[in-house]
Amino acid sequence: MKTVLIALLAASSLTPIPVSLAENANGKNLYVQRCAVCHGADIKGTGPLAHKSNPPTPDLTTAAFKKRLNDYPGVIVSSVILRPNGNLIPKTLQENGVKIAPHAWSVKDFRDLNEYMVGLIASKR
């Protein structure tokens, strides 16, 4: 099931709907509510929990990450959310008393979050 979902997300994100950063409220809300605690508002790994995980939260504005996000649109976002890294995210949140409500992810959510992150990274150049 997980493999099918990742394949579906990868295929569906090959033709992203152009959305300006300002218009992507869903992507921004998802990022702020679910990602910024570690990655920070600046997406550079500066959130309050950035250095409390092992390994520390990466800077998503690096050339290597930008290339991965461009080469595999949607796959990076969906794979992190689906946790191939094991228990790193839930463990870091739990150890630091941070509760983030469960979320029923949709393909639109993955696309919106990916688009928001791409726009945010581009604005950091």
C-alpha atoms as a PDB file:
ATOM      1  CA  MET A   1       0.000   0.000   0.000  1.00  0.00           C
ATOM      2  CA  LYS A   2       2.789   2.403   0.963  1.00  0.00           C
ATOM      3  CA  THR A   3       4.635   1.716  -2.326  1.00  0.00           C
ATOM      4  CA  VAL A   4       1.457   2.302  -4.326  1.00  0.00           C
ATOM      5  CA  LEU A   5       0.843   5.606  -2.509  1.00  0.00           C
ATOM      6  CA  ILE A   6       4.391   6.805  -3.145  1.00  0.00           C
ATOM      7  CA  ALA A   7       4.145   5.838  -6.830  1.00  0.00           C
ATOM      8  CA  LEU A   8       0.798   7.607  -7.125  1.00  0.00           C
ATOM      9  CA  LEU A   9       2.182  10.725  -5.482  1.00  0.00           C
ATOM     10  CA  ALA A  10       5.247  10.739  -7.693  1.00  0.00           C
ATOM     11  CA  ALA A  11       3.184  10.352 -10.863  1.00  0.00           C
ATOM     12  CA  SER A  12       0.578  12.900  -9.815  1.00  0.00           C
ATOM     13  CA  SER A  13       3.183  15.498  -8.970  1.00  0.00           C
ATOM     14  CA  LEU A  14       4.909  15.390 -12.352  1.00  0.00           C
ATOM     15  CA  THR A  15       2.480  18.001 -13.626  1.00  0.00           C
ATOM     16  CA  PRO A  16       2.100  20.306 -10.648  1.00  0.00           C
ATOM     17  CA  ILE A  17      -0.561  22.942 -10.727  1.00  0.00           C
ATOM     18  CA  PRO A  18       1.207  26.314 -10.667  1.00  0.00           C
ATOM     19  CA  VAL A  19       0.427  28.008  -7.391  1.00  0.00           C
ATOM     20  CA  SER A  20       2.039  31.159  -6.117  1.00  0.00           C
ATOM     21  CA  LEU A  21       3.519  31.043  -2.646  1.00  0.00           C
ATOM     22  CA  ALA A  22       0.952  33.560  -1.397  1.00  0.00           C
ATOM     23  CA  GLU A  23      -2.002  31.559  -2.768  1.00  0.00           C
ATOM     24  CA  ASN A  24      -0.912  28.250  -1.264  1.00  0.00           C
ATOM     25  CA  ALA A  25      -2.570  28.623   2.130  1.00  0.00           C
ATOM     26  CA  ASN A  26      -2.955  24.853   2.613  1.00  0.00           C
ATOM     27  CA  GLY A  27       0.759  24.195   1.959  1.00  0.00           C
ATOM     28  CA  LYS A  28       1.779  27.035   4.253  1.00  0.00           C
ATOM     29  CA  ASN A  29      -0.556  25.890   7.036  1.00  0.00           C
ATOM     30  CA  LEU A  30       0.706  22.309   6.800  1.00  0.00           C
ATOM     31  CA  TYR A  31       4.323  23.482   6.891  1.00  0.00           C
ATOM     32  CA  VAL A  32       3.799  25.881   9.804  1.00  0.00           C
ATOM     33  CA  GLN A  33       1.769  23.388  11.842  1.00  0.00           C
ATOM     34  CA  ARG A  34       3.735  20.217  11.086  1.00  0.00           C
ATOM     35  CA  CYS A  35       7.255  21.047   9.876  1.00  0.00           C
ATOM     36  CA  ALA A  36       8.427  24.403  11.247  1.00  0.00           C
ATOM     37  CA  VAL A  37       8.882  23.056  14.777  1.00  0.00           C
ATOM     38  CA  CYS A  38      12.039  21.370  13.471  1.00  0.00           C
ATOM     39  CA  HIS A  39      12.817  23.027  10.125  1.00  0.00           C
ATOM     40  CA  GLY A  40      11.995  26.570  11.276  1.00  0.00           C
ATOM     41  CA  ALA A  41      10.044  29.294   9.500  1.00  0.00           C
ATOM     42  CA  ASP A  42      13.135  29.916   7.346  1.00  0.00           C
ATOM     43  CA  ILE A  43      13.292  26.203   6.294  1.00  0.00           C
ATOM     44  CA  LYS A  44      16.978  26.119   7.296  1.00  0.00           C
ATOM     45  CA  GLY A  45      16.699  23.699  10.228  1.00  0.00           C
ATOM     46  CA  THR A  46      16.372  26.425  12.832  1.00  0.00           C
ATOM     47  CA  GLY A  47      13.158  25.378  14.595  1.00  0.00           C
ATOM     48  CA  PRO A  48      13.055  24.866  18.363  1.00  0.00           C
ATOM     49  CA  LEU A  49      13.591  21.105  17.977  1.00  0.00           C
ATOM     50  CA  ALA A  50      16.182  21.307  15.181  1.00  0.00           C
ATOM     51  CA  HIS A  51      19.126  20.206  17.301  1.00  0.00           C
ATOM     52  CA  LYS A  52      17.183  17.889  19.556  1.00  0.00           C
ATOM     53  CA  SER A  53      16.896  15.114  16.987  1.00  0.00           C
ATOM     54  CA  ASN A  54      19.622  12.688  16.034  1.00  0.00           C
ATOM     55  CA  PRO A  55      20.642  13.408  13.334  1.00  0.00           C
ATOM     56  CA  PRO A  56      19.897  17.123  13.650  1.00  0.00           C
ATOM     57  CA  THR A  57      17.237  18.592  11.371  1.00  0.00           C
ATOM     58  CA  PRO A  58      18.712  19.413   7.953  1.00  0.00           C
ATOM     59  CA  ASP A  59      18.792  22.789   6.235  1.00  0.00           C
ATOM     60  CA  LEU A  60      16.350  22.379   3.347  1.00  0.00           C
ATOM     61  CA  THR A  61      17.842  25.276   1.368  1.00  0.00           C
ATOM     62  CA  THR A  62      21.024  23.376   0.511  1.00  0.00           C
ATOM     63  CA  ALA A  63      21.800  22.636  -3.118  1.00  0.00           C
ATOM     64  CA  ALA A  64      21.596  18.889  -2.444  1.00  0.00           C
ATOM     65  CA  PHE A  65      18.084  19.097  -1.012  1.00  0.00           C
ATOM     66  CA  LYS A  66      16.884  21.466  -3.762  1.00  0.00           C
ATOM     67  CA  LYS A  67      18.132  18.949  -6.333  1.00  0.00           C
ATOM     68  CA  ARG A  68      16.353  16.045  -4.593  1.00  0.00           C
ATOM     69  CA  LEU A  69      13.117  18.038  -4.369  1.00  0.00           C
ATOM     70  CA  ASN A  70      13.389  18.948  -8.056  1.00  0.00           C
ATOM     71  CA  ASP A  71      14.391  15.441  -9.212  1.00  0.00           C
ATOM     72  CA  TYR A  72      11.709  13.682  -7.163  1.00  0.00           C
ATOM     73  CA  PRO A  73       8.805  16.139  -6.795  1.00  0.00           C
ATOM     74  CA  GLY A  74       6.374  15.083  -4.113  1.00  0.00           C
ATOM     75  CA  VAL A  75       8.308  11.938  -3.267  1.00  0.00           C
ATOM     76  CA  ILE A  76      10.588  13.637  -0.739  1.00  0.00           C
ATOM     77  CA  VAL A  77       7.680  15.228   1.122  1.00  0.00           C
ATOM     78  CA  SER A  78       5.553  12.070   1.089  1.00  0.00           C
ATOM     79  CA  SER A  79       8.412   9.783   2.088  1.00  0.00           C
ATOM     80  CA  VAL A  80       9.313  11.921   5.099  1.00  0.00           C
ATOM     81  CA  ILE A  81       5.698  12.011   6.188  1.00  0.00           C
ATOM     82  CA  LEU A  82       5.387   8.239   5.727  1.00  0.00           C
ATOM     83  CA  ARG A  83       8.503   7.860   7.909  1.00  0.00           C
ATOM     84  CA  PRO A  84      11.084   5.702   6.166  1.00  0.00           C
ATOM     85  CA  ASN A  85      13.386   7.130   8.835  1.00  0.00           C
ATOM     86  CA  GLY A  86      11.661   4.935  11.379  1.00  0.00           C
ATOM     87  CA  ASN A  87      10.565   6.656  14.521  1.00  0.00           C
ATOM     88  CA  LEU A  88      12.797   9.764  14.334  1.00  0.00           C
ATOM     89  CA  ILE A  89      10.060  12.382  14.003  1.00  0.00           C
ATOM     90  CA  PRO A  90       7.581  10.924  16.539  1.00  0.00           C
ATOM     91  CA  LYS A  91      10.395  10.133  18.974  1.00  0.00           C
ATOM     92  CA  THR A  92      11.820  13.667  18.802  1.00  0.00           C
ATOM     93  CA  LEU A  93       8.374  15.181  19.315  1.00  0.00           C
ATOM     94  CA  GLN A  94       7.558  12.824  22.191  1.00  0.00           C
ATOM     95  CA  GLU A  95      10.892  13.333  23.966  1.00  0.00           C
ATOM     96  CA  ASN A  96      10.324  17.082  23.867  1.00  0.00           C
ATOM     97  CA  GLY A  97       6.665  17.065  24.886  1.00  0.00           C
ATOM     98  CA  VAL A  98       5.405  18.346  21.526  1.00  0.00           C
ATOM     99  CA  LYS A  99       2.043  17.027  20.379  1.00  0.00           C
ATOM    100  CA  ILE A 100       0.999  17.369  16.760  1.00  0.00           C
ATOM    101  CA  ALA A 101      -2.449  16.021  15.971  1.00  0.00           C
ATOM    102  CA  PRO A 102      -2.693  13.157  13.470  1.00  0.00           C
ATOM    103  CA  HIS A 103      -3.519  14.221   9.933  1.00  0.00           C
ATOM    104  CA  ALA A 104      -5.239  12.278   7.149  1.00  0.00           C
ATOM    105  CA  TRP A 105      -2.937  13.239   4.264  1.00  0.00           C
ATOM    106  CA  SER A 106      -4.410  13.687   0.801  1.00  0.00           C
ATOM    107  CA  VAL A 107      -2.615  13.895  -2.537  1.00  0.00           C
ATOM    108  CA  LYS A 108      -3.571  17.594  -2.567  1.00  0.00           C
ATOM    109  CA  ASP A 109      -1.867  18.053   0.813  1.00  0.00           C
ATOM    110  CA  PHE A 110       1.349  16.469  -0.486  1.00  0.00           C
ATOM    111  CA  ARG A 111       1.251  18.651  -3.594  1.00  0.00           C
ATOM    112  CA  ASP A 112       0.484  21.806  -1.645  1.00  0.00           C
ATOM    113  CA  LEU A 113       3.245  21.175   0.892  1.00  0.00           C
ATOM    114  CA  ASN A 114       5.727  20.370  -1.875  1.00  0.00           C
ATOM    115  CA  GLU A 115       4.766  23.544  -3.785  1.00  0.00           C
ATOM    116  CA  TYR A 116       5.041  25.663  -0.643  1.00  0.00           C
ATOM    117  CA  MET A 117       8.458  24.247   0.193  1.00  0.00           C
ATOM    118  CA  VAL A 118       9.727  24.742  -3.376  1.00  0.00           C
ATOM    119  CA  GLY A 119       8.526  28.361  -3.272  1.00  0.00           C
ATOM    120  CA  LEU A 120       9.996  28.972   0.157  1.00  0.00           C
ATOM    121  CA  ILE A 121      13.342  27.474  -0.839  1.00  0.00           C
ATOM    122  CA  ALA A 122      13.389  29.565  -4.028  1.00  0.00           C
ATOM    123  CA  SER A 123      12.745  32.715  -2.003  1.00  0.00           C
ATOM    124  CA  LYS A 124      15.833  31.959   0.138  1.00  0.00           C
ATOM    125  CA  ARG A 125      18.263  32.242  -2.796  1.00  0.00           C
END
